[in-house]
């Protein structure tokens, strides 16, 4: 399964602990927003006859 995400800094929400400061997030250009791919593999458990 593959999924493409556009990196967007304007709509960001995060949970912070007490005393923790949020990091400043920025991008290089508003015209060229980077894409990030999320790749996941799912398989069923295999039967091991030697166990």
PDB file of N, CA and C in Angstrom:
ATOM      1  N   UNK A   1       0.837  -1.167   0.000  1.00  0.00           N
ATOM      2  CA  UNK A   1       0.000   0.000   0.000  1.00  0.00           C
ATOM      3  C   UNK A   1       0.890   1.240   0.000  1.00  0.00           C
ATOM      4  N   UNK A   2       0.599   2.160  -0.894  1.00  0.00           N
ATOM      5  CA  UNK A   2       1.342   3.410  -0.949  1.00  0.00           C
ATOM      6  C   UNK A   2       0.371   4.568  -0.831  1.00  0.00           C
ATOM      7  N   UNK A   3       0.797   5.603  -0.171  1.00  0.00           N
ATOM      8  CA  UNK A   3      -0.034   6.793  -0.012  1.00  0.00           C
ATOM      9  C   UNK A   3       0.868   8.016  -0.064  1.00  0.00           C
ATOM     10  N   UNK A   4       0.494   8.992  -0.882  1.00  0.00           N
ATOM     11  CA  UNK A   4       1.247  10.236  -0.996  1.00  0.00           C
ATOM     12  C   UNK A   4       0.604  11.297  -0.122  1.00  0.00           C
ATOM     13  N   UNK A   5       1.424  12.052   0.585  1.00  0.00           N
ATOM     14  CA  UNK A   5       0.967  13.157   1.410  1.00  0.00           C
ATOM     15  C   UNK A   5       1.715  14.415   0.995  1.00  0.00           C
ATOM     16  N   UNK A   6       1.008  15.529   0.934  1.00  0.00           N
ATOM     17  CA  UNK A   6       1.651  16.814   0.719  1.00  0.00           C
ATOM     18  C   UNK A   6       2.030  17.391   2.075  1.00  0.00           C
ATOM     19  N   UNK A   7       3.269  17.872   2.189  1.00  0.00           N
ATOM     20  CA  UNK A   7       3.729  18.455   3.442  1.00  0.00           C
ATOM     21  C   UNK A   7       3.141  19.852   3.565  1.00  0.00           C
ATOM     22  N   UNK A   8       2.260  20.042   4.523  1.00  0.00           N
ATOM     23  CA  UNK A   8       1.593  21.314   4.720  1.00  0.00           C
ATOM     24  C   UNK A   8       1.849  21.779   6.143  1.00  0.00           C
ATOM     25  N   UNK A   9       2.398  22.972   6.286  1.00  0.00           N
ATOM     26  CA  UNK A   9       2.713  23.468   7.621  1.00  0.00           C
ATOM     27  C   UNK A   9       1.633  24.395   8.154  1.00  0.00           C
ATOM     28  N   UNK A  10       0.723  24.837   7.332  1.00  0.00           N
ATOM     29  CA  UNK A  10      -0.289  25.785   7.785  1.00  0.00           C
ATOM     30  C   UNK A  10      -1.356  25.120   8.641  1.00  0.00           C
ATOM     31  N   UNK A  11      -1.633  23.853   8.417  1.00  0.00           N
ATOM     32  CA  UNK A  11      -2.682  23.142   9.143  1.00  0.00           C
ATOM     33  C   UNK A  11      -2.049  22.060  10.005  1.00  0.00           C
ATOM     34  N   UNK A  12      -1.327  22.471  11.003  1.00  0.00           N
ATOM     35  CA  UNK A  12      -0.614  21.531  11.863  1.00  0.00           C
ATOM     36  C   UNK A  12      -1.119  21.655  13.292  1.00  0.00           C
ATOM     37  N   UNK A  13      -1.412  20.535  13.907  1.00  0.00           N
ATOM     38  CA  UNK A  13      -1.770  20.537  15.321  1.00  0.00           C
ATOM     39  C   UNK A  13      -0.972  19.438  16.009  1.00  0.00           C
ATOM     40  N   UNK A  14      -0.523  19.720  17.207  1.00  0.00           N
ATOM     41  CA  UNK A  14       0.250  18.734  17.949  1.00  0.00           C
ATOM     42  C   UNK A  14      -0.020  18.906  19.437  1.00  0.00           C
ATOM     43  N   UNK A  15       0.191  17.840  20.168  1.00  0.00           N
ATOM     44  CA  UNK A  15       0.025  17.856  21.621  1.00  0.00           C
ATOM     45  C   UNK A  15       1.386  18.081  22.269  1.00  0.00           C
ATOM     46  N   UNK A  16       1.429  18.974  23.248  1.00  0.00           N
ATOM     47  CA  UNK A  16       2.676  19.289  23.927  1.00  0.00           C
ATOM     48  C   UNK A  16       2.520  19.042  25.423  1.00  0.00           C
ATOM     49  N   UNK A  17       3.611  18.628  26.057  1.00  0.00           N
ATOM     50  CA  UNK A  17       3.638  18.485  27.503  1.00  0.00           C
ATOM     51  C   UNK A  17       3.850  19.852  28.141  1.00  0.00           C
ATOM     52  N   UNK A  18       3.646  19.932  29.439  1.00  0.00           N
ATOM     53  CA  UNK A  18       3.864  21.188  30.150  1.00  0.00           C
ATOM     54  C   UNK A  18       5.334  21.581  30.074  1.00  0.00           C
ATOM     55  N   UNK A  19       5.592  22.833  29.756  1.00  0.00           N
ATOM     56  CA  UNK A  19       6.960  23.322  29.663  1.00  0.00           C
ATOM     57  C   UNK A  19       7.627  23.040  28.328  1.00  0.00           C
ATOM     58  N   UNK A  20       6.961  22.369  27.426  1.00  0.00           N
ATOM     59  CA  UNK A  20       7.533  22.039  26.125  1.00  0.00           C
ATOM     60  C   UNK A  20       7.121  23.109  25.113  1.00  0.00           C
ATOM     61  N   UNK A  21       8.058  23.516  24.267  1.00  0.00           N
ATOM     62  CA  UNK A  21       7.762  24.527  23.257  1.00  0.00           C
ATOM     63  C   UNK A  21       7.623  23.859  21.896  1.00  0.00           C
ATOM     64  N   UNK A  22       6.758  24.410  21.079  1.00  0.00           N
ATOM     65  CA  UNK A  22       6.539  23.862  19.739  1.00  0.00           C
ATOM     66  C   UNK A  22       7.699  24.251  18.826  1.00  0.00           C
ATOM     67  N   UNK A  23       8.080  23.340  17.939  1.00  0.00           N
ATOM     68  CA  UNK A  23       9.152  23.612  16.992  1.00  0.00           C
ATOM     69  C   UNK A  23       8.638  24.496  15.864  1.00  0.00           C
ATOM     70  N   UNK A  24       9.511  25.358  15.356  1.00  0.00           N
ATOM     71  CA  UNK A  24       9.160  26.202  14.225  1.00  0.00           C
ATOM     72  C   UNK A  24       9.287  25.369  12.956  1.00  0.00           C
ATOM     73  N   UNK A  25       8.185  25.193  12.257  1.00  0.00           N
ATOM     74  CA  UNK A  25       8.190  24.411  11.022  1.00  0.00           C
ATOM     75  C   UNK A  25       8.089  25.362   9.847  1.00  0.00           C
ATOM     76  N   UNK A  26       8.858  25.124   8.817  1.00  0.00           N
ATOM     77  CA  UNK A  26       8.819  25.987   7.640  1.00  0.00           C
ATOM     78  C   UNK A  26       9.158  25.170   6.408  1.00  0.00           C
ATOM     79  N   UNK A  27       8.844  25.707   5.267  1.00  0.00           N
ATOM     80  CA  UNK A  27       9.204  25.061   4.006  1.00  0.00           C
ATOM     81  C   UNK A  27       9.937  26.073   3.147  1.00  0.00           C
ATOM     82  N   UNK A  28      10.603  25.585   2.117  1.00  0.00           N
ATOM     83  CA  UNK A  28      11.437  26.449   1.295  1.00  0.00           C
ATOM     84  C   UNK A  28      10.613  27.358   0.398  1.00  0.00           C
ATOM     85  N   UNK A  29       9.555  26.827  -0.201  1.00  0.00           N
ATOM     86  CA  UNK A  29       8.787  27.608  -1.162  1.00  0.00           C
ATOM     87  C   UNK A  29       7.322  27.212  -1.087  1.00  0.00           C
ATOM     88  N   UNK A  30       6.426  28.195  -1.217  1.00  0.00           N
ATOM     89  CA  UNK A  30       4.999  27.891  -1.249  1.00  0.00           C
ATOM     90  C   UNK A  30       4.585  27.328  -2.600  1.00  0.00           C
ATOM     91  N   UNK A  31       5.361  27.602  -3.640  1.00  0.00           N
ATOM     92  CA  UNK A  31       5.027  27.126  -4.983  1.00  0.00           C
ATOM     93  C   UNK A  31       5.406  25.663  -5.190  1.00  0.00           C
ATOM     94  N   UNK A  32       6.399  25.186  -4.478  1.00  0.00           N
ATOM     95  CA  UNK A  32       6.873  23.811  -4.639  1.00  0.00           C
ATOM     96  C   UNK A  32       6.756  23.087  -3.300  1.00  0.00           C
ATOM     97  N   UNK A  33       5.591  22.531  -3.038  1.00  0.00           N
ATOM     98  CA  UNK A  33       5.354  21.814  -1.789  1.00  0.00           C
ATOM     99  C   UNK A  33       5.813  20.375  -1.979  1.00  0.00           C
ATOM    100  N   UNK A  34       6.640  19.889  -1.063  1.00  0.00           N
ATOM    101  CA  UNK A  34       7.173  18.536  -1.178  1.00  0.00           C
ATOM    102  C   UNK A  34       6.103  17.496  -0.910  1.00  0.00           C
ATOM    103  N   UNK A  35       6.283  16.339  -1.546  1.00  0.00           N
ATOM    104  CA  UNK A  35       5.408  15.200  -1.314  1.00  0.00           C
ATOM    105  C   UNK A  35       6.187  14.135  -0.551  1.00  0.00           C
ATOM    106  N   UNK A  36       5.510  13.468   0.358  1.00  0.00           N
ATOM    107  CA  UNK A  36       6.110  12.399   1.141  1.00  0.00           C
ATOM    108  C   UNK A  36       5.303  11.132   0.912  1.00  0.00           C
ATOM    109  N   UNK A  37       6.003  10.012   0.690  1.00  0.00           N
ATOM    110  CA  UNK A  37       5.320   8.738   0.472  1.00  0.00           C
ATOM    111  C   UNK A  37       5.351   7.920   1.754  1.00  0.00           C
ATOM    112  N   UNK A  38       4.211   7.361   2.104  1.00  0.00           N
ATOM    113  CA  UNK A  38       4.086   6.440   3.225  1.00  0.00           C
ATOM    114  C   UNK A  38       3.907   5.055   2.633  1.00  0.00           C
ATOM    115  N   UNK A  39       4.799   4.138   2.972  1.00  0.00           N
ATOM    116  CA  UNK A  39       4.779   2.786   2.426  1.00  0.00           C
ATOM    117  C   UNK A  39       4.559   1.802   3.563  1.00  0.00           C
ATOM    118  N   UNK A  40       3.575   0.913   3.407  1.00  0.00           N
ATOM    119  CA  UNK A  40       3.272  -0.078   4.437  1.00  0.00           C
ATOM    120  C   UNK A  40       3.066  -1.438   3.781  1.00  0.00           C
ATOM    121  N   UNK A  41       3.503  -2.475   4.467  1.00  0.00           N
ATOM    122  CA  UNK A  41       3.311  -3.841   3.992  1.00  0.00           C
ATOM    123  C   UNK A  41       2.624  -4.644   5.094  1.00  0.00           C
ATOM    124  N   UNK A  42       1.618  -5.402   4.712  1.00  0.00           N
ATOM    125  CA  UNK A  42       0.864  -6.211   5.667  1.00  0.00           C
ATOM    126  C   UNK A  42       0.875  -7.647   5.169  1.00  0.00           C
ATOM    127  N   UNK A  43       1.231  -8.580   6.050  1.00  0.00           N
ATOM    128  CA  UNK A  43       1.259  -9.994   5.682  1.00  0.00           C
ATOM    129  C   UNK A  43       0.695 -10.821   6.830  1.00  0.00           C
ATOM    130  N   UNK A  44       0.170 -11.976   6.505  1.00  0.00           N
ATOM    131  CA  UNK A  44      -0.356 -12.847   7.549  1.00  0.00           C
ATOM    132  C   UNK A  44       0.789 -13.639   8.179  1.00  0.00           C
ATOM    133  N   UNK A  45       0.643 -14.108   9.405  1.00  0.00           N
ATOM    134  CA  UNK A  45       1.683 -14.905  10.051  1.00  0.00           C
ATOM    135  C   UNK A  45       1.885 -16.235   9.314  1.00  0.00           C
ATOM    136  N   UNK A  46       3.115 -16.647   9.203  1.00  0.00           N
ATOM    137  CA  UNK A  46       3.425 -17.907   8.519  1.00  0.00           C
ATOM    138  C   UNK A  46       3.520 -19.040   9.530  1.00  0.00           C
ATOM    139  N   UNK A  47       3.066 -20.220   9.134  1.00  0.00           N
ATOM    140  CA  UNK A  47       3.135 -21.392   9.984  1.00  0.00           C
ATOM    141  C   UNK A  47       4.539 -21.975   9.909  1.00  0.00           C
ATOM    142  N   UNK A  48       5.164 -22.222  11.073  1.00  0.00           N
ATOM    143  CA  UNK A  48       6.520 -22.757  11.137  1.00  0.00           C
ATOM    144  C   UNK A  48       6.443 -24.217  11.560  1.00  0.00           C
ATOM    145  N   UNK A  49       6.737 -25.139  10.656  1.00  0.00           N
ATOM    146  CA  UNK A  49       6.618 -26.567  10.973  1.00  0.00           C
ATOM    147  C   UNK A  49       7.763 -27.085  11.837  1.00  0.00           C
ATOM    148  N   UNK A  50       8.848 -26.323  11.989  1.00  0.00           N
ATOM    149  CA  UNK A  50       9.995 -26.761  12.786  1.00  0.00           C
ATOM    150  C   UNK A  50       9.862 -26.363  14.252  1.00  0.00           C
ATOM    151  N   UNK A  51       8.830 -25.668  14.641  1.00  0.00           N
ATOM    152  CA  UNK A  51       8.643 -25.266  16.040  1.00  0.00           C
ATOM    153  C   UNK A  51       7.820 -26.264  16.773  1.00  0.00           C
TER     154      UNK A  51
END
